[in-house]
Amino acid sequence: MGETAPLTIQRIAIFPLTGAVLFPGLHLPLHIFEPRYSAMVQEVLARDRQIGMIQPRQLPGEEDREPPALYDVGCVGRIVDVEALDEGRFNLVLEGVARFRVRRELDVTTPFRQVEAEIELEAEDEAVL
């Protein structure tokens, strides 16, 4: 494993998806069909092609919480392949770039959630973001 680089702080659009785990260096195919996540894909394609994959977290007594709580760590994925479909849907492939740790959730007007995150890059990965 490489030497750890200094942390980078970045705003990330997140996709909390139960059971979908992304790791740095691996690929995750996704079919995007919900309007809020279609909006997210459109925005990140115009910005930096990055989406934070993270697991939602069910806390005792908060099973019906909307939006659900999040785990602290996720993985930033870069869209490496995208196919626009009818009705605003997308097929895409994310390539895991780096782990991130949620610092705080941002109060945003977008229909999708965003966080301020610490990106945990390995020294050899610094040029990817």
N, C-alpha and C. Protein backbone atom coordinates (compact mmCIF):
# COMPACT_ATOMS: atom_id res chain seq x y z
N MET A 1 0.84 -1.18 0.00
CA MET A 1 0.00 0.00 0.00
C MET A 1 0.88 1.24 0.00
N GLY A 2 0.45 2.27 -0.73
CA GLY A 2 1.25 3.47 -0.88
C GLY A 2 1.23 4.35 0.35
N GLU A 3 2.04 5.38 0.27
CA GLU A 3 2.13 6.36 1.33
C GLU A 3 0.88 7.24 1.29
N THR A 4 0.33 7.56 2.44
CA THR A 4 -0.90 8.34 2.49
C THR A 4 -0.60 9.81 2.23
N ALA A 5 -1.35 10.42 1.32
CA ALA A 5 -1.20 11.83 1.00
C ALA A 5 -2.04 12.65 1.97
N PRO A 6 -1.80 13.97 2.01
CA PRO A 6 -2.66 14.82 2.85
C PRO A 6 -4.11 14.71 2.40
N LEU A 7 -5.03 14.90 3.34
CA LEU A 7 -6.46 14.83 3.03
C LEU A 7 -6.88 16.02 2.19
N THR A 8 -7.80 15.78 1.27
CA THR A 8 -8.39 16.82 0.46
C THR A 8 -9.84 16.98 0.90
N ILE A 9 -10.30 18.20 1.08
CA ILE A 9 -11.69 18.46 1.45
C ILE A 9 -12.44 18.81 0.16
N GLN A 10 -13.59 18.17 -0.05
CA GLN A 10 -14.31 18.35 -1.31
C GLN A 10 -15.81 18.18 -1.10
N ARG A 11 -16.59 18.88 -1.88
CA ARG A 11 -18.04 18.68 -1.92
C ARG A 11 -18.32 17.51 -2.85
N ILE A 12 -19.15 16.57 -2.39
CA ILE A 12 -19.47 15.39 -3.19
C ILE A 12 -20.97 15.17 -3.23
N ALA A 13 -21.51 14.94 -4.43
CA ALA A 13 -22.89 14.48 -4.57
C ALA A 13 -22.89 13.02 -4.18
N ILE A 14 -23.82 12.62 -3.31
CA ILE A 14 -23.79 11.24 -2.83
C ILE A 14 -25.01 10.45 -3.31
N PHE A 15 -24.79 9.15 -3.42
CA PHE A 15 -25.82 8.21 -3.81
C PHE A 15 -25.85 7.12 -2.74
N PRO A 16 -26.71 7.31 -1.71
CA PRO A 16 -26.82 6.29 -0.67
C PRO A 16 -27.64 5.11 -1.21
N LEU A 17 -27.00 3.97 -1.36
CA LEU A 17 -27.67 2.83 -1.97
C LEU A 17 -27.33 1.56 -1.20
N THR A 18 -28.34 1.02 -0.52
CA THR A 18 -28.16 -0.19 0.26
C THR A 18 -27.66 -1.33 -0.62
N GLY A 19 -26.62 -1.99 -0.17
CA GLY A 19 -26.11 -3.17 -0.85
C GLY A 19 -25.17 -2.91 -2.01
N ALA A 20 -24.97 -1.66 -2.41
CA ALA A 20 -24.05 -1.34 -3.51
C ALA A 20 -22.78 -0.76 -2.91
N VAL A 21 -21.70 -1.51 -2.99
CA VAL A 21 -20.44 -1.09 -2.39
C VAL A 21 -19.41 -0.89 -3.50
N LEU A 22 -18.70 0.22 -3.43
CA LEU A 22 -17.65 0.54 -4.40
C LEU A 22 -16.34 0.65 -3.65
N PHE A 23 -15.28 0.11 -4.23
CA PHE A 23 -13.94 0.20 -3.67
C PHE A 23 -13.01 0.86 -4.69
N PRO A 24 -11.97 1.56 -4.22
CA PRO A 24 -11.01 2.16 -5.16
C PRO A 24 -10.46 1.10 -6.12
N GLY A 25 -10.43 1.45 -7.41
CA GLY A 25 -9.90 0.57 -8.44
C GLY A 25 -10.90 -0.40 -9.03
N LEU A 26 -12.10 -0.51 -8.45
CA LEU A 26 -13.11 -1.43 -8.97
C LEU A 26 -14.21 -0.67 -9.70
N HIS A 27 -15.03 -1.40 -10.46
CA HIS A 27 -16.12 -0.81 -11.24
C HIS A 27 -17.47 -1.23 -10.68
N LEU A 28 -18.44 -0.32 -10.78
CA LEU A 28 -19.80 -0.58 -10.33
C LEU A 28 -20.77 -0.09 -11.40
N PRO A 29 -21.50 -1.00 -12.07
CA PRO A 29 -22.51 -0.58 -13.03
C PRO A 29 -23.79 -0.17 -12.28
N LEU A 30 -24.41 0.90 -12.74
CA LEU A 30 -25.64 1.40 -12.11
C LEU A 30 -26.67 1.74 -13.18
N HIS A 31 -27.94 1.50 -12.86
CA HIS A 31 -29.05 1.96 -13.70
C HIS A 31 -29.75 3.05 -12.90
N ILE A 32 -29.71 4.27 -13.40
CA ILE A 32 -30.28 5.43 -12.70
C ILE A 32 -31.66 5.71 -13.29
N PHE A 33 -32.68 5.69 -12.44
CA PHE A 33 -34.04 5.91 -12.94
C PHE A 33 -34.84 6.91 -12.11
N GLU A 34 -34.47 7.13 -10.85
CA GLU A 34 -35.19 8.10 -10.03
C GLU A 34 -34.83 9.51 -10.49
N PRO A 35 -35.83 10.40 -10.60
CA PRO A 35 -35.56 11.77 -11.07
C PRO A 35 -34.47 12.50 -10.29
N ARG A 36 -34.42 12.32 -8.97
CA ARG A 36 -33.39 13.05 -8.19
C ARG A 36 -31.99 12.58 -8.55
N TYR A 37 -31.83 11.29 -8.84
CA TYR A 37 -30.50 10.79 -9.19
C TYR A 37 -30.18 11.04 -10.66
N SER A 38 -31.20 11.16 -11.50
CA SER A 38 -30.97 11.60 -12.89
C SER A 38 -30.44 13.03 -12.88
N ALA A 39 -31.02 13.87 -12.03
CA ALA A 39 -30.53 15.25 -11.89
C ALA A 39 -29.09 15.26 -11.39
N MET A 40 -28.78 14.36 -10.45
CA MET A 40 -27.42 14.27 -9.93
C MET A 40 -26.44 13.90 -11.04
N VAL A 41 -26.79 12.90 -11.85
CA VAL A 41 -25.91 12.47 -12.94
C VAL A 41 -25.69 13.63 -13.91
N GLN A 42 -26.75 14.34 -14.27
CA GLN A 42 -26.60 15.47 -15.19
C GLN A 42 -25.67 16.52 -14.62
N GLU A 43 -25.80 16.81 -13.32
CA GLU A 43 -24.94 17.83 -12.71
C GLU A 43 -23.49 17.38 -12.65
N VAL A 44 -23.24 16.14 -12.23
CA VAL A 44 -21.84 15.71 -12.09
C VAL A 44 -21.18 15.51 -13.44
N LEU A 45 -21.95 15.17 -14.47
CA LEU A 45 -21.36 15.09 -15.82
C LEU A 45 -20.87 16.45 -16.27
N ALA A 46 -21.57 17.51 -15.89
CA ALA A 46 -21.17 18.87 -16.26
C ALA A 46 -20.06 19.40 -15.35
N ARG A 47 -19.88 18.77 -14.20
CA ARG A 47 -18.92 19.28 -13.21
C ARG A 47 -17.65 18.45 -13.19
N ASP A 48 -17.65 17.33 -12.48
CA ASP A 48 -16.41 16.58 -12.28
C ASP A 48 -16.55 15.08 -12.49
N ARG A 49 -17.74 14.63 -12.90
CA ARG A 49 -18.02 13.21 -13.18
C ARG A 49 -17.88 12.32 -11.95
N GLN A 50 -17.99 12.90 -10.74
CA GLN A 50 -17.79 12.13 -9.52
C GLN A 50 -19.06 12.01 -8.68
N ILE A 51 -19.27 10.80 -8.17
CA ILE A 51 -20.40 10.50 -7.28
C ILE A 51 -19.84 9.75 -6.08
N GLY A 52 -20.32 10.11 -4.90
CA GLY A 52 -19.92 9.39 -3.69
C GLY A 52 -20.91 8.28 -3.39
N MET A 53 -20.45 7.04 -3.46
CA MET A 53 -21.29 5.91 -3.09
C MET A 53 -21.12 5.67 -1.59
N ILE A 54 -22.25 5.57 -0.88
CA ILE A 54 -22.20 5.40 0.57
C ILE A 54 -23.43 4.61 1.00
N GLN A 55 -23.28 3.88 2.08
CA GLN A 55 -24.38 3.07 2.59
C GLN A 55 -25.26 3.90 3.52
N PRO A 56 -26.59 3.80 3.34
CA PRO A 56 -27.48 4.39 4.35
C PRO A 56 -27.39 3.56 5.62
N ARG A 57 -27.68 4.19 6.73
CA ARG A 57 -27.51 3.54 8.03
C ARG A 57 -28.81 3.61 8.81
N GLN A 58 -29.30 2.47 9.25
CA GLN A 58 -30.51 2.47 10.08
C GLN A 58 -30.10 2.50 11.54
N LEU A 59 -30.49 3.57 12.20
CA LEU A 59 -30.19 3.70 13.62
C LEU A 59 -31.39 3.21 14.42
N PRO A 60 -31.17 2.58 15.56
CA PRO A 60 -32.29 2.10 16.38
C PRO A 60 -33.24 3.24 16.72
N GLY A 61 -34.52 3.00 16.47
CA GLY A 61 -35.54 4.02 16.74
C GLY A 61 -35.72 5.02 15.62
N GLU A 62 -34.88 4.95 14.58
CA GLU A 62 -34.98 5.89 13.47
C GLU A 62 -35.16 5.16 12.14
N GLU A 63 -35.82 4.01 12.16
CA GLU A 63 -35.99 3.21 10.95
C GLU A 63 -36.75 3.94 9.85
N ASP A 64 -37.62 4.86 10.22
CA ASP A 64 -38.42 5.61 9.23
C ASP A 64 -37.85 6.98 8.92
N ARG A 65 -36.64 7.27 9.40
CA ARG A 65 -36.03 8.58 9.20
C ARG A 65 -35.82 8.84 7.71
N GLU A 66 -36.23 10.02 7.26
CA GLU A 66 -36.02 10.46 5.88
C GLU A 66 -35.35 11.82 5.90
N PRO A 67 -34.25 12.02 5.28
CA PRO A 67 -33.46 10.97 4.62
C PRO A 67 -32.77 10.12 5.67
N PRO A 68 -32.39 8.89 5.31
CA PRO A 68 -31.73 8.02 6.28
C PRO A 68 -30.35 8.55 6.67
N ALA A 69 -29.93 8.15 7.86
CA ALA A 69 -28.57 8.48 8.30
C ALA A 69 -27.59 7.79 7.35
N LEU A 70 -26.34 8.21 7.41
CA LEU A 70 -25.30 7.65 6.53
C LEU A 70 -24.18 7.06 7.37
N TYR A 71 -23.51 6.05 6.82
CA TYR A 71 -22.28 5.60 7.43
C TYR A 71 -21.24 6.70 7.23
N ASP A 72 -20.15 6.63 7.95
CA ASP A 72 -19.13 7.70 7.92
C ASP A 72 -18.22 7.64 6.70
N VAL A 73 -18.05 6.45 6.12
CA VAL A 73 -17.07 6.28 5.04
C VAL A 73 -17.75 5.74 3.79
N GLY A 74 -17.36 6.28 2.65
CA GLY A 74 -17.85 5.82 1.35
C GLY A 74 -16.69 5.83 0.37
N CYS A 75 -17.04 5.71 -0.91
CA CYS A 75 -16.02 5.71 -1.96
C CYS A 75 -16.44 6.66 -3.08
N VAL A 76 -15.54 7.53 -3.48
CA VAL A 76 -15.78 8.41 -4.61
C VAL A 76 -15.62 7.59 -5.88
N GLY A 77 -16.62 7.67 -6.76
CA GLY A 77 -16.54 7.00 -8.04
C GLY A 77 -16.57 8.02 -9.17
N ARG A 78 -15.77 7.77 -10.19
CA ARG A 78 -15.76 8.63 -11.38
C ARG A 78 -16.54 7.90 -12.47
N ILE A 79 -17.46 8.62 -13.12
CA ILE A 79 -18.22 8.03 -14.22
C ILE A 79 -17.27 7.82 -15.39
N VAL A 80 -17.07 6.54 -15.75
CA VAL A 80 -16.17 6.21 -16.86
C VAL A 80 -16.94 5.78 -18.10
N ASP A 81 -18.22 5.49 -17.95
CA ASP A 81 -19.06 5.13 -19.09
C ASP A 81 -20.48 5.54 -18.76
N VAL A 82 -21.16 6.16 -19.73
CA VAL A 82 -22.53 6.59 -19.50
C VAL A 82 -23.34 6.41 -20.78
N GLU A 83 -24.56 5.95 -20.60
CA GLU A 83 -25.51 5.80 -21.71
C GLU A 83 -26.80 6.48 -21.28
N ALA A 84 -27.18 7.54 -21.99
CA ALA A 84 -28.43 8.23 -21.71
C ALA A 84 -29.57 7.44 -22.35
N LEU A 85 -30.61 7.20 -21.58
CA LEU A 85 -31.77 6.44 -22.03
C LEU A 85 -33.00 7.33 -22.08
N ASP A 86 -34.12 6.79 -22.51
CA ASP A 86 -35.38 7.53 -22.54
C ASP A 86 -35.80 7.93 -21.13
N GLU A 87 -36.62 8.95 -21.05
CA GLU A 87 -37.25 9.40 -19.80
C GLU A 87 -36.25 9.79 -18.72
N GLY A 88 -35.07 10.29 -19.13
CA GLY A 88 -34.09 10.80 -18.17
C GLY A 88 -33.32 9.73 -17.42
N ARG A 89 -33.42 8.49 -17.83
CA ARG A 89 -32.69 7.41 -17.17
C ARG A 89 -31.27 7.29 -17.74
N PHE A 90 -30.40 6.65 -16.98
CA PHE A 90 -29.01 6.46 -17.40
C PHE A 90 -28.53 5.07 -17.01
N ASN A 91 -27.70 4.48 -17.84
CA ASN A 91 -26.85 3.37 -17.45
C ASN A 91 -25.46 3.96 -17.34
N LEU A 92 -24.78 3.67 -16.25
CA LEU A 92 -23.43 4.20 -16.11
C LEU A 92 -22.55 3.21 -15.38
N VAL A 93 -21.26 3.44 -15.50
CA VAL A 93 -20.27 2.64 -14.78
C VAL A 93 -19.40 3.62 -13.99
N LEU A 94 -19.31 3.35 -12.69
CA LEU A 94 -18.43 4.13 -11.82
C LEU A 94 -17.15 3.35 -11.59
N GLU A 95 -16.04 4.05 -11.62
CA GLU A 95 -14.76 3.47 -11.23
C GLU A 95 -14.38 4.07 -9.90
N GLY A 96 -14.13 3.22 -8.91
CA GLY A 96 -13.74 3.70 -7.58
C GLY A 96 -12.43 4.45 -7.64
N VAL A 97 -12.41 5.65 -7.06
CA VAL A 97 -11.22 6.50 -7.09
C VAL A 97 -10.54 6.55 -5.72
N ALA A 98 -11.32 6.82 -4.68
CA ALA A 98 -10.73 6.99 -3.35
C ALA A 98 -11.81 6.88 -2.29
N ARG A 99 -11.39 6.47 -1.09
CA ARG A 99 -12.32 6.49 0.04
C ARG A 99 -12.54 7.94 0.47
N PHE A 100 -13.72 8.18 1.06
CA PHE A 100 -13.96 9.48 1.66
C PHE A 100 -14.63 9.29 3.01
N ARG A 101 -14.45 10.28 3.86
CA ARG A 101 -15.09 10.32 5.18
C ARG A 101 -15.97 11.56 5.21
N VAL A 102 -17.22 11.38 5.60
CA VAL A 102 -18.18 12.49 5.66
C VAL A 102 -17.80 13.40 6.83
N ARG A 103 -17.60 14.67 6.52
CA ARG A 103 -17.39 15.68 7.58
C ARG A 103 -18.73 16.22 8.04
N ARG A 104 -19.58 16.55 7.04
CA ARG A 104 -20.92 17.05 7.36
C ARG A 104 -21.77 17.00 6.11
N GLU A 105 -23.07 16.86 6.31
CA GLU A 105 -23.99 16.92 5.18
C GLU A 105 -24.30 18.38 4.91
N LEU A 106 -24.33 18.75 3.64
CA LEU A 106 -24.57 20.13 3.26
C LEU A 106 -26.06 20.39 3.10
N ASP A 107 -26.47 21.60 3.46
CA ASP A 107 -27.85 22.03 3.29
C ASP A 107 -27.94 22.61 1.88
N VAL A 108 -28.47 21.82 0.95
CA VAL A 108 -28.46 22.20 -0.46
C VAL A 108 -29.88 22.25 -1.01
N THR A 109 -30.02 22.93 -2.14
CA THR A 109 -31.34 23.02 -2.79
C THR A 109 -31.50 21.97 -3.89
N THR A 110 -30.48 21.17 -4.13
CA THR A 110 -30.58 20.12 -5.15
C THR A 110 -31.48 19.00 -4.63
N PRO A 111 -32.10 18.24 -5.54
CA PRO A 111 -32.95 17.13 -5.08
C PRO A 111 -32.17 15.95 -4.53
N PHE A 112 -30.85 15.93 -4.72
CA PHE A 112 -29.99 14.87 -4.21
C PHE A 112 -29.12 15.42 -3.10
N ARG A 113 -28.63 14.53 -2.27
CA ARG A 113 -27.84 14.92 -1.10
C ARG A 113 -26.38 15.18 -1.49
N GLN A 114 -25.76 16.09 -0.74
CA GLN A 114 -24.34 16.39 -0.93
C GLN A 114 -23.67 16.50 0.42
N VAL A 115 -22.39 16.15 0.46
CA VAL A 115 -21.64 16.22 1.70
C VAL A 115 -20.32 16.95 1.48
N GLU A 116 -19.79 17.45 2.58
CA GLU A 116 -18.40 17.91 2.60
C GLU A 116 -17.62 16.71 3.10
N ALA A 117 -16.63 16.30 2.33
CA ALA A 117 -15.93 15.06 2.64
C ALA A 117 -14.43 15.24 2.64
N GLU A 118 -13.77 14.42 3.43
CA GLU A 118 -12.31 14.31 3.42
C GLU A 118 -11.98 13.16 2.49
N ILE A 119 -11.27 13.45 1.41
CA ILE A 119 -10.87 12.42 0.46
C ILE A 119 -9.56 11.82 0.94
N GLU A 120 -9.54 10.50 1.09
CA GLU A 120 -8.36 9.80 1.58
C GLU A 120 -7.60 9.21 0.40
N LEU A 121 -6.80 10.04 -0.25
CA LEU A 121 -6.04 9.61 -1.42
C LEU A 121 -4.73 8.95 -1.02
N GLU A 122 -4.37 7.94 -1.77
CA GLU A 122 -3.02 7.40 -1.67
C GLU A 122 -2.14 8.35 -2.49
N ALA A 123 -0.88 8.47 -2.15
CA ALA A 123 0.02 9.42 -2.82
C ALA A 123 -0.01 9.25 -4.34
N GLU A 124 -0.01 8.00 -4.82
CA GLU A 124 0.02 7.77 -6.27
C GLU A 124 -1.31 8.11 -6.95
N ASP A 125 -2.38 8.34 -6.15
CA ASP A 125 -3.70 8.63 -6.72
C ASP A 125 -4.02 10.13 -6.75
N GLU A 126 -3.14 10.99 -6.24
CA GLU A 126 -3.45 12.41 -6.13
C GLU A 126 -3.86 13.04 -7.45
N ALA A 127 -3.30 12.60 -8.55
CA ALA A 127 -3.58 13.22 -9.84
C ALA A 127 -4.96 12.86 -10.38
N VAL A 128 -5.65 11.88 -9.80
CA VAL A 128 -6.93 11.43 -10.34
C VAL A 128 -8.07 12.41 -10.06
N LEU A 129 -8.02 13.12 -8.95
CA LEU A 129 -9.13 14.02 -8.61
C LEU A 129 -8.91 15.41 -9.10
